[in-house]
Amino acid sequence: MASLEYLGMLPFLLLIALAGIQLGIVAYCAEQAGTAARTAARTAAEPDPHPDAGAAGHDAVSGWVNPAIGFPPADDARAVKATATVRVPSVLPGITIFGPVTRSATMPKEDASP
């Protein structure tokens, strides 16, 4: 009898476990988007910036994340703003619950003088 009760609860336990895993993936994607945005903005704010600062943002995160990095105009001419958007993968194929995660970072431009 106890095994029948366990079999009845098993789908609910699996659903709760999958929900926990999905929330962990969302949090990880948000953290990776923030890392990509900060790295891209910091690289573009250097006195001699790299020609493709977005590549630095890509290199700073896990390979499967694949962020889309953009450089919208900053509010201040002495700063660089970078925005990274990461698509959140789903634990269950074909079911999309969460949209993409976007994070922005603004870094002041560094002076070339010592």
N, C-alpha and C. Protein backbone atom coordinates (compact mmCIF):
# COMPACT_ATOMS: atom_id res chain seq x y z
N MET A 1 0.81 -1.19 0.00
CA MET A 1 0.00 0.00 0.00
C MET A 1 0.87 1.27 0.00
N ALA A 2 1.94 1.21 0.75
CA ALA A 2 2.82 2.38 0.80
C ALA A 2 3.47 2.65 -0.54
N SER A 3 3.75 1.58 -1.29
CA SER A 3 4.37 1.78 -2.60
C SER A 3 3.41 2.44 -3.57
N LEU A 4 2.12 2.18 -3.45
CA LEU A 4 1.13 2.86 -4.29
C LEU A 4 1.05 4.34 -3.95
N GLU A 5 1.15 4.68 -2.68
CA GLU A 5 1.15 6.09 -2.28
C GLU A 5 2.40 6.78 -2.81
N TYR A 6 3.52 6.09 -2.77
CA TYR A 6 4.77 6.65 -3.29
C TYR A 6 4.67 6.89 -4.79
N LEU A 7 4.11 5.94 -5.51
CA LEU A 7 3.94 6.10 -6.96
C LEU A 7 3.00 7.25 -7.29
N GLY A 8 2.03 7.49 -6.44
CA GLY A 8 1.12 8.62 -6.65
C GLY A 8 1.80 9.97 -6.42
N MET A 9 2.74 10.01 -5.51
CA MET A 9 3.45 11.26 -5.20
C MET A 9 4.65 11.51 -6.11
N LEU A 10 5.13 10.48 -6.78
CA LEU A 10 6.33 10.59 -7.60
C LEU A 10 6.24 11.68 -8.67
N PRO A 11 5.14 11.81 -9.41
CA PRO A 11 5.08 12.89 -10.40
C PRO A 11 5.20 14.28 -9.78
N PHE A 12 4.62 14.48 -8.62
CA PHE A 12 4.71 15.78 -7.95
C PHE A 12 6.14 16.05 -7.49
N LEU A 13 6.81 15.03 -6.98
CA LEU A 13 8.19 15.20 -6.55
C LEU A 13 9.09 15.51 -7.74
N LEU A 14 8.86 14.85 -8.86
CA LEU A 14 9.65 15.13 -10.07
C LEU A 14 9.39 16.55 -10.57
N LEU A 15 8.15 16.98 -10.52
CA LEU A 15 7.81 18.34 -10.95
C LEU A 15 8.49 19.38 -10.07
N ILE A 16 8.51 19.16 -8.78
CA ILE A 16 9.17 20.09 -7.86
C ILE A 16 10.68 20.09 -8.12
N ALA A 17 11.26 18.93 -8.37
CA ALA A 17 12.70 18.87 -8.66
C ALA A 17 13.03 19.60 -9.96
N LEU A 18 12.22 19.39 -10.99
CA LEU A 18 12.47 20.07 -12.27
C LEU A 18 12.29 21.58 -12.14
N ALA A 19 11.32 22.01 -11.32
CA ALA A 19 11.14 23.45 -11.10
C ALA A 19 12.35 24.05 -10.40
N GLY A 20 12.91 23.34 -9.44
CA GLY A 20 14.12 23.81 -8.76
C GLY A 20 15.31 23.91 -9.71
N ILE A 21 15.45 22.91 -10.57
CA ILE A 21 16.54 22.95 -11.55
C ILE A 21 16.35 24.11 -12.52
N GLN A 22 15.10 24.32 -12.98
CA GLN A 22 14.83 25.42 -13.92
C GLN A 22 15.13 26.77 -13.29
N LEU A 23 14.77 26.97 -12.03
CA LEU A 23 15.07 28.24 -11.36
C LEU A 23 16.57 28.44 -11.20
N GLY A 24 17.30 27.35 -10.97
CA GLY A 24 18.76 27.44 -10.91
C GLY A 24 19.36 27.85 -12.25
N ILE A 25 18.81 27.34 -13.34
CA ILE A 25 19.30 27.71 -14.68
C ILE A 25 19.00 29.17 -14.96
N VAL A 26 17.83 29.66 -14.54
CA VAL A 26 17.49 31.07 -14.74
C VAL A 26 18.47 31.96 -13.98
N ALA A 27 18.76 31.61 -12.74
CA ALA A 27 19.69 32.40 -11.93
C ALA A 27 21.09 32.38 -12.54
N TYR A 28 21.51 31.23 -13.05
CA TYR A 28 22.83 31.12 -13.67
C TYR A 28 22.91 31.97 -14.93
N CYS A 29 21.87 31.95 -15.75
CA CYS A 29 21.85 32.75 -16.98
C CYS A 29 21.89 34.24 -16.65
N ALA A 30 21.18 34.65 -15.60
CA ALA A 30 21.20 36.06 -15.20
C ALA A 30 22.60 36.47 -14.74
N GLU A 31 23.26 35.60 -13.99
CA GLU A 31 24.62 35.90 -13.53
C GLU A 31 25.58 35.98 -14.70
N GLN A 32 25.45 35.07 -15.65
CA GLN A 32 26.32 35.07 -16.82
C GLN A 32 26.08 36.30 -17.70
N ALA A 33 24.83 36.75 -17.81
CA ALA A 33 24.53 37.96 -18.57
C ALA A 33 25.19 39.18 -17.92
N GLY A 34 25.16 39.25 -16.60
CA GLY A 34 25.82 40.34 -15.89
C GLY A 34 27.32 40.33 -16.09
N THR A 35 27.91 39.13 -16.05
CA THR A 35 29.35 39.01 -16.27
C THR A 35 29.74 39.45 -17.68
N ALA A 36 28.96 39.03 -18.66
CA ALA A 36 29.26 39.39 -20.06
C ALA A 36 29.14 40.90 -20.25
N ALA A 37 28.12 41.52 -19.68
CA ALA A 37 27.92 42.97 -19.83
C ALA A 37 29.05 43.75 -19.16
N ARG A 38 29.43 43.35 -17.94
CA ARG A 38 30.52 44.05 -17.24
C ARG A 38 31.84 43.92 -17.97
N THR A 39 32.14 42.72 -18.45
CA THR A 39 33.41 42.51 -19.16
C THR A 39 33.46 43.30 -20.46
N ALA A 40 32.37 43.30 -21.21
CA ALA A 40 32.34 44.04 -22.47
C ALA A 40 32.46 45.54 -22.22
N ALA A 41 31.76 46.05 -21.21
CA ALA A 41 31.84 47.48 -20.91
C ALA A 41 33.23 47.87 -20.42
N ARG A 42 33.81 47.02 -19.57
CA ARG A 42 35.16 47.32 -19.05
C ARG A 42 36.19 47.31 -20.17
N THR A 43 36.06 46.36 -21.11
CA THR A 43 37.00 46.27 -22.22
C THR A 43 36.85 47.46 -23.16
N ALA A 44 35.62 47.91 -23.40
CA ALA A 44 35.39 49.05 -24.29
C ALA A 44 35.78 50.37 -23.63
N ALA A 45 35.88 50.41 -22.30
CA ALA A 45 36.22 51.64 -21.60
C ALA A 45 37.72 51.85 -21.42
N GLU A 46 38.52 50.91 -21.86
CA GLU A 46 39.98 51.04 -21.72
C GLU A 46 40.49 52.18 -22.61
N PRO A 47 41.66 52.74 -22.27
CA PRO A 47 42.21 53.84 -23.08
C PRO A 47 42.44 53.43 -24.54
N ASP A 48 42.90 52.20 -24.75
CA ASP A 48 43.09 51.67 -26.10
C ASP A 48 42.17 50.46 -26.23
N PRO A 49 40.85 50.69 -26.51
CA PRO A 49 39.90 49.58 -26.47
C PRO A 49 40.13 48.55 -27.57
N HIS A 50 39.78 47.35 -27.26
CA HIS A 50 39.84 46.26 -28.24
C HIS A 50 38.83 46.56 -29.35
N PRO A 51 39.14 46.26 -30.61
CA PRO A 51 38.20 46.56 -31.70
C PRO A 51 36.86 45.86 -31.55
N ASP A 52 36.83 44.69 -30.91
CA ASP A 52 35.58 43.96 -30.70
C ASP A 52 35.44 43.66 -29.21
N ALA A 53 34.94 44.63 -28.45
CA ALA A 53 34.78 44.44 -27.01
C ALA A 53 33.71 43.40 -26.70
N GLY A 54 32.79 43.20 -27.62
CA GLY A 54 31.77 42.17 -27.42
C GLY A 54 32.37 40.78 -27.36
N ALA A 55 33.48 40.56 -28.07
CA ALA A 55 34.15 39.26 -28.02
C ALA A 55 34.69 38.98 -26.62
N ALA A 56 35.14 40.02 -25.92
CA ALA A 56 35.61 39.83 -24.55
C ALA A 56 34.45 39.40 -23.65
N GLY A 57 33.27 39.96 -23.89
CA GLY A 57 32.08 39.54 -23.13
C GLY A 57 31.73 38.09 -23.39
N HIS A 58 31.84 37.66 -24.65
CA HIS A 58 31.58 36.26 -24.99
C HIS A 58 32.59 35.34 -24.33
N ASP A 59 33.85 35.76 -24.31
CA ASP A 59 34.91 34.92 -23.75
C ASP A 59 34.83 34.81 -22.23
N ALA A 60 34.12 35.73 -21.58
CA ALA A 60 34.06 35.74 -20.12
C ALA A 60 33.01 34.80 -19.55
N VAL A 61 32.17 34.22 -20.41
CA VAL A 61 31.08 33.37 -19.91
C VAL A 61 31.21 31.96 -20.47
N SER A 62 30.38 31.07 -19.98
CA SER A 62 30.36 29.68 -20.45
C SER A 62 30.02 29.62 -21.93
N GLY A 63 30.54 28.63 -22.60
CA GLY A 63 30.34 28.51 -24.04
C GLY A 63 28.90 28.30 -24.46
N TRP A 64 28.10 27.61 -23.67
CA TRP A 64 26.72 27.32 -24.07
C TRP A 64 25.78 28.49 -23.85
N VAL A 65 26.21 29.52 -23.14
CA VAL A 65 25.34 30.66 -22.84
C VAL A 65 25.10 31.52 -24.09
N ASN A 66 26.14 31.81 -24.84
CA ASN A 66 26.07 32.57 -26.09
C ASN A 66 25.27 33.87 -25.96
N PRO A 67 25.80 34.86 -25.23
CA PRO A 67 25.06 36.11 -25.04
C PRO A 67 25.06 36.99 -26.30
N ALA A 68 24.00 37.76 -26.45
CA ALA A 68 23.95 38.79 -27.49
C ALA A 68 24.35 40.09 -26.81
N ILE A 69 25.45 40.69 -27.23
CA ILE A 69 25.99 41.88 -26.57
C ILE A 69 25.84 43.08 -27.48
N GLY A 70 25.31 44.15 -26.91
CA GLY A 70 25.15 45.39 -27.65
C GLY A 70 25.70 46.56 -26.84
N PHE A 71 25.93 47.65 -27.53
CA PHE A 71 26.46 48.85 -26.89
C PHE A 71 25.52 50.02 -27.17
N PRO A 72 24.45 50.15 -26.39
CA PRO A 72 23.55 51.29 -26.58
C PRO A 72 24.24 52.57 -26.14
N PRO A 73 23.77 53.72 -26.59
CA PRO A 73 24.40 54.98 -26.16
C PRO A 73 24.28 55.17 -24.65
N ALA A 74 25.37 55.57 -24.04
CA ALA A 74 25.36 55.83 -22.59
C ALA A 74 24.82 57.23 -22.33
N ASP A 75 24.34 57.45 -21.10
CA ASP A 75 23.81 58.75 -20.72
C ASP A 75 24.91 59.80 -20.65
N ASP A 76 26.13 59.36 -20.41
CA ASP A 76 27.27 60.26 -20.25
C ASP A 76 28.32 59.93 -21.32
N ALA A 77 28.90 60.95 -21.92
CA ALA A 77 29.92 60.73 -22.97
C ALA A 77 31.21 60.17 -22.39
N ARG A 78 31.37 60.25 -21.07
CA ARG A 78 32.59 59.74 -20.43
C ARG A 78 32.41 58.31 -19.94
N ALA A 79 31.38 57.61 -20.43
CA ALA A 79 31.10 56.25 -19.98
C ALA A 79 30.75 55.37 -21.17
N VAL A 80 30.88 54.08 -20.96
CA VAL A 80 30.51 53.08 -21.97
C VAL A 80 29.47 52.17 -21.34
N LYS A 81 28.39 51.92 -22.07
CA LYS A 81 27.34 51.04 -21.59
C LYS A 81 27.28 49.80 -22.47
N ALA A 82 27.19 48.64 -21.85
CA ALA A 82 27.06 47.37 -22.57
C ALA A 82 25.83 46.63 -22.04
N THR A 83 25.12 45.99 -22.93
CA THR A 83 23.94 45.21 -22.57
C THR A 83 24.11 43.80 -23.11
N ALA A 84 23.89 42.81 -22.25
CA ALA A 84 24.00 41.41 -22.66
C ALA A 84 22.65 40.72 -22.44
N THR A 85 22.21 39.98 -23.45
CA THR A 85 20.97 39.23 -23.38
C THR A 85 21.28 37.75 -23.56
N VAL A 86 20.76 36.94 -22.65
CA VAL A 86 21.01 35.50 -22.67
C VAL A 86 19.65 34.79 -22.74
N ARG A 87 19.52 33.87 -23.67
CA ARG A 87 18.31 33.06 -23.77
C ARG A 87 18.35 31.97 -22.70
N VAL A 88 17.25 31.80 -21.97
CA VAL A 88 17.18 30.81 -20.90
C VAL A 88 16.68 29.49 -21.49
N PRO A 89 17.49 28.44 -21.45
CA PRO A 89 17.03 27.15 -21.96
C PRO A 89 16.02 26.51 -20.99
N SER A 90 15.17 25.68 -21.53
CA SER A 90 14.15 25.03 -20.71
C SER A 90 14.58 23.61 -20.36
N VAL A 91 14.20 23.18 -19.17
CA VAL A 91 14.48 21.81 -18.74
C VAL A 91 13.62 20.83 -19.55
N LEU A 92 12.40 21.24 -19.83
CA LEU A 92 11.50 20.41 -20.63
C LEU A 92 11.49 20.91 -22.07
N PRO A 93 11.92 20.13 -23.02
CA PRO A 93 11.96 20.58 -24.41
C PRO A 93 10.57 20.96 -24.91
N GLY A 94 10.51 22.07 -25.64
CA GLY A 94 9.25 22.51 -26.21
C GLY A 94 8.40 23.38 -25.30
N ILE A 95 8.76 23.49 -24.04
CA ILE A 95 8.00 24.32 -23.10
C ILE A 95 8.89 25.47 -22.67
N THR A 96 8.52 26.69 -23.07
CA THR A 96 9.29 27.87 -22.71
C THR A 96 8.50 28.67 -21.69
N ILE A 97 9.03 28.76 -20.50
CA ILE A 97 8.36 29.50 -19.42
C ILE A 97 8.99 30.87 -19.25
N PHE A 98 10.31 30.92 -19.32
CA PHE A 98 11.04 32.16 -19.08
C PHE A 98 11.56 32.73 -20.39
N GLY A 99 11.47 34.04 -20.51
CA GLY A 99 12.03 34.72 -21.67
C GLY A 99 13.51 34.96 -21.47
N PRO A 100 14.13 35.69 -22.38
CA PRO A 100 15.56 35.96 -22.24
C PRO A 100 15.84 36.89 -21.05
N VAL A 101 17.04 36.78 -20.52
CA VAL A 101 17.48 37.61 -19.40
C VAL A 101 18.43 38.67 -19.94
N THR A 102 18.21 39.92 -19.56
CA THR A 102 19.04 41.03 -20.02
C THR A 102 19.66 41.74 -18.82
N ARG A 103 20.94 42.01 -18.91
CA ARG A 103 21.66 42.77 -17.89
C ARG A 103 22.49 43.84 -18.59
N SER A 104 22.65 44.99 -17.93
CA SER A 104 23.44 46.10 -18.46
C SER A 104 24.51 46.49 -17.46
N ALA A 105 25.58 47.05 -17.98
CA ALA A 105 26.68 47.56 -17.15
C ALA A 105 27.22 48.82 -17.78
N THR A 106 27.54 49.79 -16.95
CA THR A 106 28.13 51.05 -17.41
C THR A 106 29.47 51.24 -16.71
N MET A 107 30.50 51.49 -17.50
CA MET A 107 31.85 51.70 -16.96
C MET A 107 32.37 53.06 -17.41
N PRO A 108 33.05 53.77 -16.53
CA PRO A 108 33.64 55.06 -16.94
C PRO A 108 34.82 54.83 -17.86
N LYS A 109 34.99 55.70 -18.83
CA LYS A 109 36.14 55.59 -19.74
C LYS A 109 37.41 55.93 -18.99
N GLU A 110 38.44 55.12 -19.19
CA GLU A 110 39.70 55.34 -18.51
C GLU A 110 40.54 56.36 -19.28
N ASP A 111 41.31 57.13 -18.52
CA ASP A 111 42.21 58.12 -19.14
C ASP A 111 43.46 57.43 -19.62
N ALA A 112 43.99 57.93 -20.75
CA ALA A 112 45.23 57.37 -21.26
C ALA A 112 46.45 57.94 -20.56
N SER A 113 46.30 59.10 -19.89
CA SER A 113 47.42 59.74 -19.22
C SER A 113 47.73 59.02 -17.91
N PRO A 114 49.01 58.96 -17.51
CA PRO A 114 49.39 58.27 -16.27
C PRO A 114 49.02 59.03 -15.03
